Amino acid sequence: MEPKKLSELIPATLQTLSPIKSESGGELSIYKGELTAQCLVSSVATIKKSFPSLPIGFYDVFIDRLKANNFSDDRLIDAVAHVIDTCLYPTPTIANFISFDKRVKTYTYAQYTKLIDNGENGANYQPVKFRNMPALVWVHVNDIAKYNIKSKE
């Protein structure tokens, strides 16, 4: 008799608990926290020094978009550094900054059991509870350690 897969042993009701509605289908941004005025002023000054030809109106829209996209200090600092290092054109666009993010892959319980069925080592993933999510998700232990991810009740 062939051994059953883990996903076959788990009742279907457990496999379909609370689907995860994350920002982009199973990923979470590593950035958390608020955007402070001090960081905003410092980052705008850095952008002005790096790209002096940007029009003054750029910064009003830029700041509005940062707030609308829930930027944190750390994400803004990293985004500014990234754009300075990688901008291919004479001047960046607001989208160059806003699109910057670092994300970790998350898995539902059903996805986690399928990983194990496909030969992944289950010990490489740990369950994590986030306040804004209705169910546990599994995250690779390397991402947990690298980004200091902790469960939040």
Protein backbone atom coordinates (compact mmCIF):
# COMPACT_ATOMS: atom_id res chain seq x y z
CA MET A 1 0.00 0.00 0.00
CA GLU A 2 1.34 3.42 -1.01
CA PRO A 3 1.77 5.91 1.86
CA LYS A 4 -0.80 8.69 1.91
CA LYS A 5 0.21 12.26 1.37
CA LEU A 6 -0.06 14.62 4.33
CA SER A 7 -2.67 16.73 2.53
CA GLU A 8 -4.86 13.60 2.16
CA LEU A 9 -4.68 12.88 5.89
CA ILE A 10 -5.84 16.34 6.95
CA PRO A 11 -9.62 16.81 6.89
CA ALA A 12 -10.80 19.05 4.06
CA THR A 13 -12.28 21.52 6.56
CA LEU A 14 -8.84 22.15 8.03
CA GLN A 15 -7.33 22.63 4.59
CA THR A 16 -9.77 25.39 3.69
CA LEU A 17 -9.79 27.45 6.89
CA SER A 18 -9.96 31.22 6.39
CA PRO A 19 -8.35 31.97 3.05
CA ILE A 20 -5.51 34.43 3.37
CA LYS A 21 -6.25 37.78 1.80
CA SER A 22 -2.80 39.33 1.77
CA GLU A 23 -1.43 42.28 -0.13
CA SER A 24 -0.38 40.26 -3.17
CA GLY A 25 -1.58 36.70 -2.73
CA GLY A 26 0.60 35.11 -0.09
CA GLU A 27 3.24 37.74 0.49
CA LEU A 28 3.79 40.25 3.27
CA SER A 29 5.99 43.31 3.37
CA ILE A 30 8.83 43.08 5.86
CA TYR A 31 8.45 46.77 6.68
CA LYS A 32 6.47 47.94 9.66
CA GLY A 33 6.19 51.14 11.59
CA GLU A 34 5.33 54.73 10.82
CA LEU A 35 6.69 57.39 8.53
CA THR A 36 8.06 60.21 10.65
CA ALA A 37 8.48 63.83 9.61
CA GLN A 38 12.21 63.65 10.40
CA CYS A 39 12.75 60.70 8.05
CA LEU A 40 10.63 62.34 5.37
CA VAL A 41 12.63 65.59 5.49
CA SER A 42 15.95 63.72 5.47
CA SER A 43 14.90 61.50 2.55
CA VAL A 44 13.59 64.42 0.47
CA ALA A 45 16.90 66.24 1.08
CA THR A 46 18.82 63.17 -0.12
CA ILE A 47 16.65 62.93 -3.24
CA LYS A 48 17.13 66.66 -3.97
CA LYS A 49 20.92 66.28 -3.70
CA SER A 50 20.92 63.17 -5.89
CA PHE A 51 18.46 64.42 -8.51
CA PRO A 52 18.65 68.24 -8.50
CA SER A 53 16.63 68.64 -11.72
CA LEU A 54 13.40 67.25 -10.24
CA PRO A 55 10.67 69.91 -10.25
CA ILE A 56 9.48 71.24 -6.90
CA GLY A 57 5.95 69.91 -7.57
CA PHE A 58 7.38 66.38 -7.59
CA TYR A 59 7.81 66.43 -3.82
CA ASP A 60 4.21 67.34 -2.97
CA VAL A 61 2.87 64.41 -4.98
CA PHE A 62 5.70 62.17 -3.74
CA ILE A 63 4.86 62.81 -0.08
CA ASP A 64 1.14 62.24 -0.71
CA ARG A 65 1.88 58.91 -2.41
CA LEU A 66 4.18 57.80 0.41
CA LYS A 67 1.39 58.38 2.91
CA ALA A 68 -1.24 56.72 0.70
CA ASN A 69 0.99 53.65 0.37
CA ASN A 70 1.65 53.39 4.13
CA PHE A 71 5.40 53.81 3.91
CA SER A 72 7.49 53.39 7.06
CA ASP A 73 10.80 55.08 7.82
CA ASP A 74 12.77 51.93 7.00
CA ARG A 75 10.97 51.35 3.70
CA LEU A 76 11.52 54.96 2.61
CA ILE A 77 15.22 54.89 3.51
CA ASP A 78 15.69 51.63 1.60
CA ALA A 79 13.62 52.88 -1.37
CA VAL A 80 15.65 56.08 -1.68
CA ALA A 81 18.92 54.15 -1.54
CA HIS A 82 17.63 51.65 -4.10
CA VAL A 83 16.52 54.35 -6.56
CA ILE A 84 19.80 56.25 -6.20
CA ASP A 85 21.72 53.03 -6.89
CA THR A 86 19.57 51.78 -9.79
CA CYS A 87 17.93 54.73 -11.58
CA LEU A 88 18.67 54.34 -15.31
CA TYR A 89 17.23 57.66 -16.47
CA PRO A 90 18.33 61.19 -15.67
CA THR A 91 15.47 61.55 -13.19
CA PRO A 92 13.40 58.97 -11.31
CA THR A 93 9.63 58.75 -11.25
CA ILE A 94 7.48 58.57 -8.15
CA ALA A 95 6.70 54.98 -9.14
CA ASN A 96 10.40 54.08 -8.84
CA PHE A 97 10.19 54.85 -5.13
CA ILE A 98 6.66 53.62 -4.40
CA SER A 99 7.16 50.25 -6.09
CA PHE A 100 10.10 49.38 -3.84
CA ASP A 101 9.31 46.78 -1.20
CA LYS A 102 10.81 43.65 0.32
CA ARG A 103 8.37 40.80 0.82
CA VAL A 104 8.35 37.33 2.27
CA LYS A 105 6.28 34.46 0.92
CA THR A 106 3.58 33.13 3.21
CA TYR A 107 1.71 29.83 2.95
CA THR A 108 -1.71 28.75 4.14
CA TYR A 109 -1.94 25.44 5.97
CA ALA A 110 -3.10 23.72 2.77
CA GLN A 111 -0.17 25.19 0.83
CA TYR A 112 2.22 24.15 3.61
CA THR A 113 1.02 20.53 3.50
CA LYS A 114 1.43 20.49 -0.29
CA LEU A 115 5.02 21.69 0.13
CA ILE A 116 5.65 18.73 2.41
CA ASP A 117 3.92 16.36 -0.04
CA ASN A 118 6.27 17.68 -2.73
CA GLY A 119 9.36 16.83 -0.68
CA GLU A 120 9.99 20.05 1.24
CA ASN A 121 11.21 19.70 4.81
CA GLY A 122 8.34 20.86 7.02
CA ALA A 123 10.81 21.93 9.71
CA ASN A 124 11.96 24.71 7.36
CA TYR A 125 8.67 26.54 7.96
CA GLN A 126 7.12 27.89 11.13
CA PRO A 127 3.55 29.06 11.77
CA VAL A 128 3.14 32.78 12.37
CA LYS A 129 0.04 34.69 13.47
CA PHE A 130 -0.43 38.26 12.25
CA ARG A 131 -3.00 40.65 13.71
CA ASN A 132 -4.43 41.55 10.31
CA MET A 133 -4.88 37.94 9.19
CA PRO A 134 -7.61 35.55 10.31
CA ALA A 135 -5.48 32.38 10.33
CA LEU A 136 -1.91 31.23 10.86
CA VAL A 137 0.45 31.36 7.90
CA TRP A 138 3.70 29.45 7.47
CA VAL A 139 6.91 31.33 6.75
CA HIS A 140 10.36 29.96 5.91
CA VAL A 141 12.61 29.92 8.99
CA ASN A 142 15.34 31.83 7.11
CA ASP A 143 12.91 34.71 6.47
CA ILE A 144 11.76 34.61 10.10
CA ALA A 145 15.35 34.93 11.31
CA LYS A 146 16.50 37.44 8.67
CA TYR A 147 13.60 39.85 9.17
CA ASN A 148 12.93 39.13 12.87
CA ILE A 149 9.33 38.10 12.21
CA LYS A 150 7.30 37.43 15.35
CA SER A 151 3.74 36.25 15.89
CA LYS A 152 1.30 38.95 16.96
CA GLU A 153 -1.94 38.11 18.74
